[in-house]
Amino acid sequence: MSGEPRGLHAPFTDAVLRAIPLGALLVGDDDRVVAANPQFATVCGIEGVDLSTGASAEPIAEAVRRLLPDTDAGAVRALRSQFVRKAEIGLRDGRVLRRSRQPIDTGDARLGVLWLVEDITEQRRYENDLHRHIGTLGELARDRAEFAARTSHELRTPLSTVLTFCELLADPAAGTLSTAQREYVDTIRRGAQRMQDMADGLLHRYAEAATTPPAYAPLDPGPLLTRLVSDTTPHATRGGVFLSLDLPAERPPLVADADRLERALAALLDNAVKFTPAGGAGGVRAHPRDGGALDGELPSPGWQFTVRDDGIGIPKEFQEEVFTEFVRAPNARRGPYPGTGLGLSVVRDAVRVHAGTVTVHSAEGHGTAMEVWLPSGGPPGSGTPPGSNAPPGSGTPSTDGGPGTGRPE
């Protein structure tokens, strides 16, 4: 066998290649082996082929070619004529190898080529499985969204009809009902209202995914909260729940998407009323926070909204999970509390697009306080300074919110 190529020292290169975890083969410019590590033969599956220093590289190439699937000679010659640094090769036995080819030069002289080979069969199998599972999950998510949207849309019309006739039957102008008849109508109305609330929740949840990007603009949270509490109060009163609203007289503007903020706060209010028994109380408190150096708990100035109630509370182990779609805490599922488990996912998504935070303070049987903090200037990149075109604050009368506390969704 001929001596080793000039500039490549076999003992040194052999020690280096053995330290490489991949299969490695160093071939000199005379197409003879300078060094190879044991992993090269194992990875390629060519045990028994001469890989000693000075051996010809042609038998090695021939042994590797026999492992490849049938390919026409023209394609093989075309591949050999190209210097492809990296490639993935599928073998007859189903394995996939990744090989890289790196020239070894010194000045203007080519000393040889270093070949590195790695078996990536399992990696490719995992990646293919992952892509298949992602595709399946995507299809399931689309099917679920389509089913939920279609079902909620089809339910709303007949439910609206049922509720309308309940109101007509309860109207004294239509005739006096007996006590039993009034109970029947109330039972029908409550059941239909629950189903309509569920249908509306599904429709709003999946409609949000198709909405336009958030429309950030300065707003005064006061009128929005006043309207929400006013709209929720009749439902709370029927359930024997007292609602309160606490707002400051001076209110700096908040840059936010009004629709998303309203849906999030409405979901928190609905939960507070739903999960609070008769005789209980709930409250909403909103106030600006300085943030930064003046308020170490928050990174920047913002608004904090706290929705409290003294309802059934959320078990500690479910206080993160309840923000996932269709998840409800066990005590909510056990009790007479209709719902889809979508309310807090709406809150989560609204907080996320505003770069805010939501914090749960709750214990089962001891109520809940949900704290939502949003930066005054909106999320990064919203492009609206907090003081531009801001509506002036108003001195909305406020009442003290009751002690805070609870609800699972």
Protein backbone atom coordinates (compact mmCIF):
# COMPACT_ATOMS: atom_id res chain seq x y z
CA MET A 1 0.00 0.00 0.00
CA SER A 2 1.18 3.52 -0.71
CA GLY A 3 2.24 5.87 2.03
CA GLU A 4 -0.01 8.40 3.59
CA PRO A 5 -0.72 11.63 1.64
CA ARG A 6 1.61 14.56 2.21
CA GLY A 7 0.36 16.77 5.05
CA LEU A 8 -2.03 14.16 6.52
CA HIS A 9 -0.55 12.19 9.40
CA ALA A 10 -2.40 8.92 9.98
CA PRO A 11 -1.74 8.42 13.74
CA PHE A 12 -2.93 11.91 14.56
CA THR A 13 -5.97 11.88 12.23
CA ASP A 14 -6.92 8.38 13.42
CA ALA A 15 -7.04 9.62 17.04
CA VAL A 16 -9.09 12.65 16.02
CA LEU A 17 -11.62 10.60 14.03
CA ARG A 18 -12.10 8.15 16.89
CA ALA A 19 -13.17 11.09 19.09
CA ILE A 20 -15.93 12.03 16.62
CA PRO A 21 -19.31 10.43 17.52
CA LEU A 22 -20.36 10.24 13.85
CA GLY A 23 -19.02 7.80 11.31
CA ALA A 24 -15.90 9.46 9.84
CA LEU A 25 -13.68 8.57 6.87
CA LEU A 26 -10.72 10.64 5.69
CA VAL A 27 -9.64 9.97 2.09
CA GLY A 28 -6.48 11.45 0.60
CA ASP A 29 -6.17 13.11 -2.78
CA ASP A 30 -4.99 9.77 -4.22
CA ASP A 31 -8.35 8.12 -3.31
CA ARG A 32 -6.77 6.07 -0.53
CA VAL A 33 -7.85 5.86 3.11
CA VAL A 34 -5.93 8.04 5.53
CA ALA A 35 -8.02 7.10 8.59
CA ALA A 36 -11.49 5.88 9.55
CA ASN A 37 -13.18 5.43 12.89
CA PRO A 38 -15.07 2.22 13.83
CA GLN A 39 -18.39 4.07 13.74
CA PHE A 40 -18.12 4.58 9.97
CA ALA A 41 -18.41 0.87 9.15
CA THR A 42 -21.15 0.37 11.77
CA VAL A 43 -23.31 3.30 10.61
CA CYS A 44 -22.92 2.48 6.91
CA GLY A 45 -23.35 -1.26 7.45
CA ILE A 46 -20.20 -2.22 5.58
CA GLU A 47 -18.40 -4.29 8.20
CA GLY A 48 -15.66 -6.39 6.61
CA VAL A 49 -14.58 -3.78 4.07
CA ASP A 50 -10.92 -2.75 4.38
CA LEU A 51 -10.75 0.68 6.08
CA SER A 52 -7.10 0.53 7.05
CA THR A 53 -4.65 3.31 6.25
CA GLY A 54 -3.60 3.17 2.59
CA ALA A 55 -6.54 1.00 1.45
CA SER A 56 -8.26 2.01 -1.78
CA ALA A 57 -11.50 3.98 -1.37
CA GLU A 58 -13.14 2.35 -4.40
CA PRO A 59 -14.23 -0.87 -2.58
CA ILE A 60 -15.75 1.30 0.12
CA ALA A 61 -17.75 3.29 -2.44
CA GLU A 62 -18.85 0.07 -4.14
CA ALA A 63 -20.00 -1.43 -0.83
CA VAL A 64 -22.06 1.69 -0.08
CA ARG A 65 -23.55 1.68 -3.61
CA ARG A 66 -24.82 -1.85 -3.07
CA LEU A 67 -26.83 -0.59 -0.10
CA LEU A 68 -28.67 1.98 -2.22
CA PRO A 69 -31.96 1.37 -4.02
CA ASP A 70 -31.81 0.56 -7.72
CA THR A 71 -30.81 3.67 -9.67
CA ASP A 72 -29.92 4.02 -13.34
CA ALA A 73 -26.24 4.36 -14.12
CA GLY A 74 -26.66 7.81 -15.62
CA ALA A 75 -28.11 9.20 -12.40
CA VAL A 76 -25.29 7.67 -10.38
CA ARG A 77 -22.65 9.19 -12.65
CA ALA A 78 -24.40 12.57 -12.43
CA LEU A 79 -24.36 12.43 -8.65
CA ARG A 80 -20.69 11.45 -8.51
CA SER A 81 -19.75 14.35 -10.79
CA GLN A 82 -21.28 16.89 -8.36
CA PHE A 83 -19.66 17.99 -5.13
CA VAL A 84 -22.71 17.97 -2.83
CA ARG A 85 -21.56 18.87 0.66
CA LYS A 86 -24.59 17.48 2.49
CA ALA A 87 -27.23 14.96 1.50
CA GLU A 88 -29.65 12.46 2.96
CA ILE A 89 -29.53 8.96 1.54
CA GLY A 90 -32.23 6.33 1.79
CA LEU A 91 -30.94 2.75 1.90
CA ARG A 92 -32.54 -0.49 0.72
CA ASP A 93 -33.16 -1.60 4.31
CA GLY A 94 -35.21 1.50 5.06
CA ARG A 95 -32.58 3.38 7.00
CA VAL A 96 -31.79 7.03 6.28
CA LEU A 97 -28.24 8.32 6.48
CA ARG A 98 -27.10 11.92 6.47
CA ARG A 99 -23.67 12.33 4.97
CA SER A 100 -21.52 15.42 4.69
CA ARG A 101 -18.42 15.92 2.56
CA GLN A 102 -15.77 18.45 3.52
CA PRO A 103 -12.61 19.11 1.46
CA ILE A 104 -9.32 19.29 3.36
CA ASP A 105 -7.09 21.95 1.80
CA THR A 106 -3.87 23.70 2.65
CA GLY A 107 -3.19 26.80 0.65
CA ASP A 108 -3.85 25.90 -2.99
CA ALA A 109 -3.32 22.16 -2.49
CA ARG A 110 -6.16 19.64 -1.99
CA LEU A 111 -5.04 17.08 0.59
CA GLY A 112 -8.19 15.00 0.72
CA VAL A 113 -11.85 14.78 1.70
CA LEU A 114 -13.46 14.12 5.08
CA TRP A 115 -16.71 12.11 4.97
CA LEU A 116 -19.07 12.17 7.96
CA VAL A 117 -22.06 9.81 8.17
CA GLU A 118 -24.93 9.80 10.68
CA ASP A 119 -27.91 7.45 10.98
CA ILE A 120 -30.99 9.68 11.23
CA THR A 121 -33.63 6.99 10.69
CA GLU A 122 -35.23 7.41 14.12
CA GLN A 123 -35.09 11.18 13.89
CA ARG A 124 -36.88 11.13 10.53
CA ARG A 125 -39.43 8.65 11.88
CA TYR A 126 -40.15 10.90 14.87
CA GLU A 127 -40.42 13.95 12.62
CA ASN A 128 -42.78 12.17 10.22
CA ASP A 129 -44.91 10.97 13.13
CA LEU A 130 -44.96 14.48 14.58
CA HIS A 131 -46.02 16.03 11.26
CA ARG A 132 -48.73 13.40 10.87
CA HIS A 133 -50.03 14.02 14.39
CA ILE A 134 -49.95 17.79 13.87
CA GLY A 135 -51.94 17.37 10.67
CA THR A 136 -54.46 15.14 12.44
CA LEU A 137 -54.81 17.61 15.31
CA GLY A 138 -55.29 20.44 12.82
CA GLU A 139 -58.05 18.54 11.06
CA LEU A 140 -59.72 17.72 14.39
CA ALA A 141 -59.53 21.36 15.47
CA ARG A 142 -61.08 22.51 12.19
CA ASP A 143 -63.81 19.88 12.43
CA ARG A 144 -64.52 20.86 16.04
CA ALA A 145 -64.67 24.55 15.18
CA GLU A 146 -66.95 23.92 12.21
CA PHE A 147 -69.22 21.65 14.24
CA ALA A 148 -69.42 24.07 17.16
CA ALA A 149 -70.10 27.09 14.93
CA ARG A 150 -72.73 25.28 12.85
CA THR A 151 -74.42 23.75 15.89
CA SER A 152 -74.59 27.03 17.79
CA HIS A 153 -75.91 28.84 14.71
CA GLU A 154 -78.63 26.23 14.14
CA LEU A 155 -79.66 26.32 17.82
CA ARG A 156 -79.99 30.07 18.19
CA THR A 157 -83.09 30.54 16.01
CA PRO A 158 -85.33 27.91 17.68
CA LEU A 159 -84.09 28.94 21.13
CA SER A 160 -84.90 32.57 20.42
CA THR A 161 -88.38 31.48 19.38
CA VAL A 162 -88.86 29.50 22.60
CA LEU A 163 -87.72 32.46 24.73
CA THR A 164 -89.96 34.86 22.85
CA PHE A 165 -93.04 32.70 23.42
CA CYS A 166 -92.10 32.32 27.08
CA GLU A 167 -92.14 36.11 27.41
CA LEU A 168 -95.50 36.28 25.59
CA LEU A 169 -97.01 33.63 27.84
CA ALA A 170 -95.74 35.40 30.97
CA ASP A 171 -97.18 38.74 29.81
CA PRO A 172 -100.39 39.46 31.79
CA ALA A 173 -101.93 40.84 28.59
CA ALA A 174 -102.01 37.29 27.22
CA GLY A 175 -104.06 36.05 30.13
CA THR A 176 -103.51 35.12 33.76
CA LEU A 177 -101.48 31.98 34.41
CA SER A 178 -101.93 29.73 37.38
CA THR A 179 -99.05 29.24 39.80
CA ALA A 180 -98.23 25.86 38.27
CA GLN A 181 -98.35 27.29 34.74
CA ARG A 182 -96.00 30.12 35.69
CA GLU A 183 -93.56 27.55 37.12
CA TYR A 184 -93.72 25.57 33.87
CA VAL A 185 -93.01 28.68 31.79
CA ASP A 186 -90.14 29.72 34.09
CA THR A 187 -88.63 26.24 33.84
CA ILE A 188 -88.82 26.35 30.02
CA ARG A 189 -87.36 29.85 29.95
CA ARG A 190 -84.42 28.94 32.23
CA GLY A 191 -83.58 25.84 30.22
CA ALA A 192 -83.78 27.68 26.90
CA GLN A 193 -81.73 30.58 28.27
CA ARG A 194 -79.00 28.20 29.44
CA MET A 195 -78.86 26.55 26.02
CA GLN A 196 -78.76 29.91 24.29
CA ASP A 197 -75.90 31.07 26.53
CA MET A 198 -73.98 27.93 25.63
CA ALA A 199 -74.67 28.40 21.91
CA ASP A 200 -73.60 32.04 22.09
CA GLY A 201 -70.42 31.07 23.91
CA LEU A 202 -69.50 28.53 21.23
CA LEU A 203 -70.28 30.93 18.41
CA HIS A 204 -68.28 33.80 19.92
CA ARG A 205 -65.34 31.54 20.76
CA TYR A 206 -64.90 30.22 17.25
CA ALA A 207 -65.85 33.44 15.54
CA GLU A 208 -62.95 35.13 17.33
CA ALA A 209 -60.42 32.97 15.48
CA ALA A 210 -61.64 34.43 12.18
CA THR A 211 -61.82 38.06 13.26
CA THR A 212 -59.60 40.80 11.96
CA PRO A 213 -56.43 41.69 13.89
CA PRO A 214 -56.96 43.56 17.18
CA ALA A 215 -58.01 47.19 16.77
CA TYR A 216 -56.16 49.04 19.52
CA ALA A 217 -57.37 52.50 20.48
CA PRO A 218 -57.46 54.65 23.64
CA LEU A 219 -60.58 54.12 25.73
CA ASP A 220 -62.02 54.95 29.11
CA PRO A 221 -62.73 51.68 30.97
CA GLY A 222 -65.40 53.37 33.09
CA PRO A 223 -68.34 53.46 30.64
CA LEU A 224 -67.54 49.97 29.41
CA LEU A 225 -67.62 48.51 32.94
CA THR A 226 -70.68 50.50 33.89
CA ARG A 227 -72.55 49.08 30.89
CA LEU A 228 -71.40 45.52 31.59
CA VAL A 229 -72.45 45.64 35.23
CA SER A 230 -75.77 47.22 34.26
CA ASP A 231 -76.41 44.48 31.70
CA THR A 232 -75.48 41.72 34.15
CA THR A 233 -77.39 43.07 37.15
CA PRO A 234 -80.88 41.79 36.13
CA HIS A 235 -79.52 38.25 35.77
CA ALA A 236 -77.67 38.59 39.09
CA THR A 237 -80.79 39.94 40.82
CA ARG A 238 -82.88 37.00 39.63
CA GLY A 239 -80.28 34.69 41.20
CA GLY A 240 -80.14 36.66 44.44
CA VAL A 241 -76.58 37.93 43.84
CA PHE A 242 -75.59 41.52 44.62
CA LEU A 243 -73.15 43.19 42.20
CA SER A 244 -71.03 46.25 42.90
CA LEU A 245 -68.72 48.44 40.82
CA ASP A 246 -65.74 50.40 42.10
CA LEU A 247 -64.19 52.94 39.71
CA PRO A 248 -61.82 55.86 40.36
CA ALA A 249 -62.94 59.37 39.47
CA GLU A 250 -59.73 60.09 37.53
CA ARG A 251 -59.08 57.51 34.86
CA PRO A 252 -56.10 57.63 32.51
CA PRO A 253 -56.80 56.15 29.08
CA LEU A 254 -56.15 52.50 28.28
CA VAL A 255 -55.03 51.46 24.79
CA ALA A 256 -56.98 48.28 24.09
CA ASP A 257 -59.19 46.41 21.67
CA ALA A 258 -62.61 47.35 23.05
CA ASP A 259 -64.45 44.27 21.74
CA ARG A 260 -61.96 41.76 23.12
CA LEU A 261 -61.73 43.57 26.45
CA GLU A 262 -65.52 43.67 26.73
CA ARG A 263 -65.87 39.95 25.98
CA ALA A 264 -63.20 39.07 28.55
CA LEU A 265 -64.72 41.18 31.33
CA ALA A 266 -68.23 39.98 30.44
CA ALA A 267 -67.04 36.36 30.77
CA LEU A 268 -65.58 37.08 34.22
CA LEU A 269 -68.78 38.81 35.33
CA ASP A 270 -70.98 36.01 34.02
CA ASN A 271 -68.89 33.46 35.91
CA ALA A 272 -69.04 35.51 39.10
CA VAL A 273 -72.84 35.54 38.98
CA LYS A 274 -73.21 31.94 37.77
CA PHE A 275 -71.09 30.37 40.51
CA THR A 276 -72.29 32.51 43.43
CA PRO A 277 -75.25 31.16 45.43
CA ALA A 278 -78.29 33.25 46.30
CA GLY A 279 -77.51 35.79 48.99
CA GLY A 280 -73.91 36.09 47.83
CA ALA A 281 -72.14 39.09 46.34
CA GLY A 282 -69.75 39.88 43.55
CA GLY A 283 -67.86 43.01 42.65
CA VAL A 284 -65.75 44.63 39.98
CA ARG A 285 -62.92 46.98 40.84
CA ALA A 286 -60.82 48.78 38.25
CA HIS A 287 -57.95 51.11 38.98
CA PRO A 288 -54.76 52.33 37.29
CA ARG A 289 -51.38 51.07 38.50
CA ASP A 290 -48.15 53.04 38.24
CA GLY A 291 -45.88 50.08 37.55
CA GLY A 292 -42.15 50.43 37.01
CA ALA A 293 -40.01 51.71 39.87
CA LEU A 294 -43.09 53.00 41.72
CA ASP A 295 -44.83 49.63 41.64
CA GLY A 296 -42.41 46.72 41.78
CA GLU A 297 -45.11 44.14 41.04
CA LEU A 298 -45.74 45.41 37.49
CA PRO A 299 -43.33 46.20 34.64
CA SER A 300 -45.06 49.38 33.43
CA PRO A 301 -48.10 51.60 34.06
CA GLY A 302 -51.37 49.84 33.39
CA TRP A 303 -54.92 49.08 34.46
CA GLN A 304 -55.88 46.35 36.89
CA PHE A 305 -59.37 44.84 36.76
CA THR A 306 -60.43 42.64 39.66
CA VAL A 307 -63.65 40.61 39.50
CA ARG A 308 -64.51 39.10 42.87
CA ASP A 309 -67.28 36.91 44.22
CA ASP A 310 -67.98 34.67 47.19
CA GLY A 311 -68.98 31.66 45.14
CA ILE A 312 -67.84 28.05 45.06
CA GLY A 313 -64.19 28.80 44.25
CA ILE A 314 -61.68 26.95 42.08
CA PRO A 315 -59.65 24.02 43.45
CA LYS A 316 -55.96 24.92 43.51
CA GLU A 317 -54.93 22.10 41.19
CA PHE A 318 -57.31 23.38 38.46
CA GLN A 319 -56.46 27.09 38.60
CA GLU A 320 -54.31 26.90 35.46
CA GLU A 321 -56.18 24.19 33.62
CA VAL A 322 -59.52 26.08 33.65
CA PHE A 323 -58.08 28.53 31.10
CA THR A 324 -58.06 25.71 28.53
CA GLU A 325 -61.03 25.37 26.17
CA PHE A 326 -63.82 23.05 27.37
CA VAL A 327 -62.18 22.45 30.76
CA ARG A 328 -64.30 22.97 33.88
CA ALA A 329 -63.32 22.37 37.49
CA PRO A 330 -64.88 19.30 39.16
CA ASN A 331 -67.02 21.33 41.59
CA ALA A 332 -68.45 23.27 38.61
CA ARG A 333 -69.31 20.05 36.78
CA ARG A 334 -70.96 18.56 39.87
CA GLY A 335 -73.22 21.49 40.62
CA PRO A 336 -76.15 23.04 38.74
CA TYR A 337 -73.87 25.35 36.75
CA PRO A 338 -74.39 25.13 32.98
CA GLY A 339 -71.49 26.10 30.78
CA THR A 340 -69.11 25.06 28.03
CA GLY A 341 -65.76 25.77 29.68
CA LEU A 342 -64.99 28.49 27.13
CA GLY A 343 -65.32 31.63 29.24
CA LEU A 344 -61.84 31.71 30.74
CA SER A 345 -60.21 30.79 27.43
CA VAL A 346 -61.72 34.01 26.06
CA VAL A 347 -60.13 35.87 28.99
CA ARG A 348 -56.79 34.14 28.38
CA ASP A 349 -56.75 35.06 24.68
CA ALA A 350 -57.76 38.68 25.31
CA VAL A 351 -55.06 39.11 27.95
CA ARG A 352 -52.50 37.53 25.62
CA VAL A 353 -53.16 39.87 22.67
CA HIS A 354 -52.86 42.83 25.06
CA ALA A 355 -49.54 41.57 26.52
CA GLY A 356 -51.14 41.55 29.97
CA THR A 357 -51.44 39.08 32.83
CA VAL A 358 -54.27 37.28 34.58
CA THR A 359 -53.94 36.01 38.16
CA VAL A 360 -56.25 33.71 40.09
CA HIS A 361 -56.80 34.02 43.84
CA SER A 362 -59.16 31.28 44.91
CA ALA A 363 -59.82 28.27 47.11
CA GLU A 364 -62.58 25.73 46.80
CA GLY A 365 -65.58 26.83 48.83
CA HIS A 366 -64.11 30.27 49.54
CA GLY A 367 -64.72 32.22 46.35
CA THR A 368 -62.44 33.69 43.71
CA ALA A 369 -60.77 36.92 42.69
CA MET A 370 -59.62 37.21 39.08
CA GLU A 371 -57.06 39.97 38.51
CA VAL A 372 -56.40 41.14 34.96
CA TRP A 373 -53.61 43.63 34.32
CA LEU A 374 -53.18 45.36 30.95
CA PRO A 375 -50.45 47.88 30.02
CA SER A 376 -51.81 51.41 29.59
CA GLY A 377 -50.03 51.92 26.28
CA GLY A 378 -51.22 48.66 24.77
CA PRO A 379 -48.99 45.77 23.71
CA PRO A 380 -45.63 46.40 22.02
CA GLY A 381 -46.14 47.43 18.43
CA SER A 382 -49.75 48.55 18.87
CA GLY A 383 -48.60 51.95 17.65
CA THR A 384 -50.96 54.08 19.75
CA PRO A 385 -49.49 56.34 22.45
CA PRO A 386 -51.56 56.19 25.64
CA GLY A 387 -52.42 59.86 25.63
CA SER A 388 -53.53 60.34 22.03
CA ASN A 389 -57.21 61.05 21.38
CA ALA A 390 -58.06 59.64 24.76
CA PRO A 391 -61.57 60.09 26.07
CA PRO A 392 -61.69 62.15 29.24
CA GLY A 393 -62.33 60.39 32.52
CA SER A 394 -65.67 60.89 34.20
CA GLY A 395 -66.67 60.91 37.84
CA THR A 396 -68.75 57.75 37.75
CA PRO A 397 -70.23 57.07 41.19
CA SER A 398 -68.58 54.07 42.81
CA THR A 399 -69.50 51.65 45.54
CA ASP A 400 -67.20 49.51 47.63
CA GLY A 401 -66.71 46.02 46.24
CA GLY A 402 -67.39 43.23 48.69
CA PRO A 403 -64.73 40.80 49.83
CA GLY A 404 -63.35 39.03 46.83
CA THR A 405 -63.63 35.51 45.83
CA GLY A 406 -64.94 32.90 43.32
CA ARG A 407 -65.74 30.71 40.44
CA PRO A 408 -64.41 27.96 38.21
CA GLU A 409 -65.09 27.92 34.50
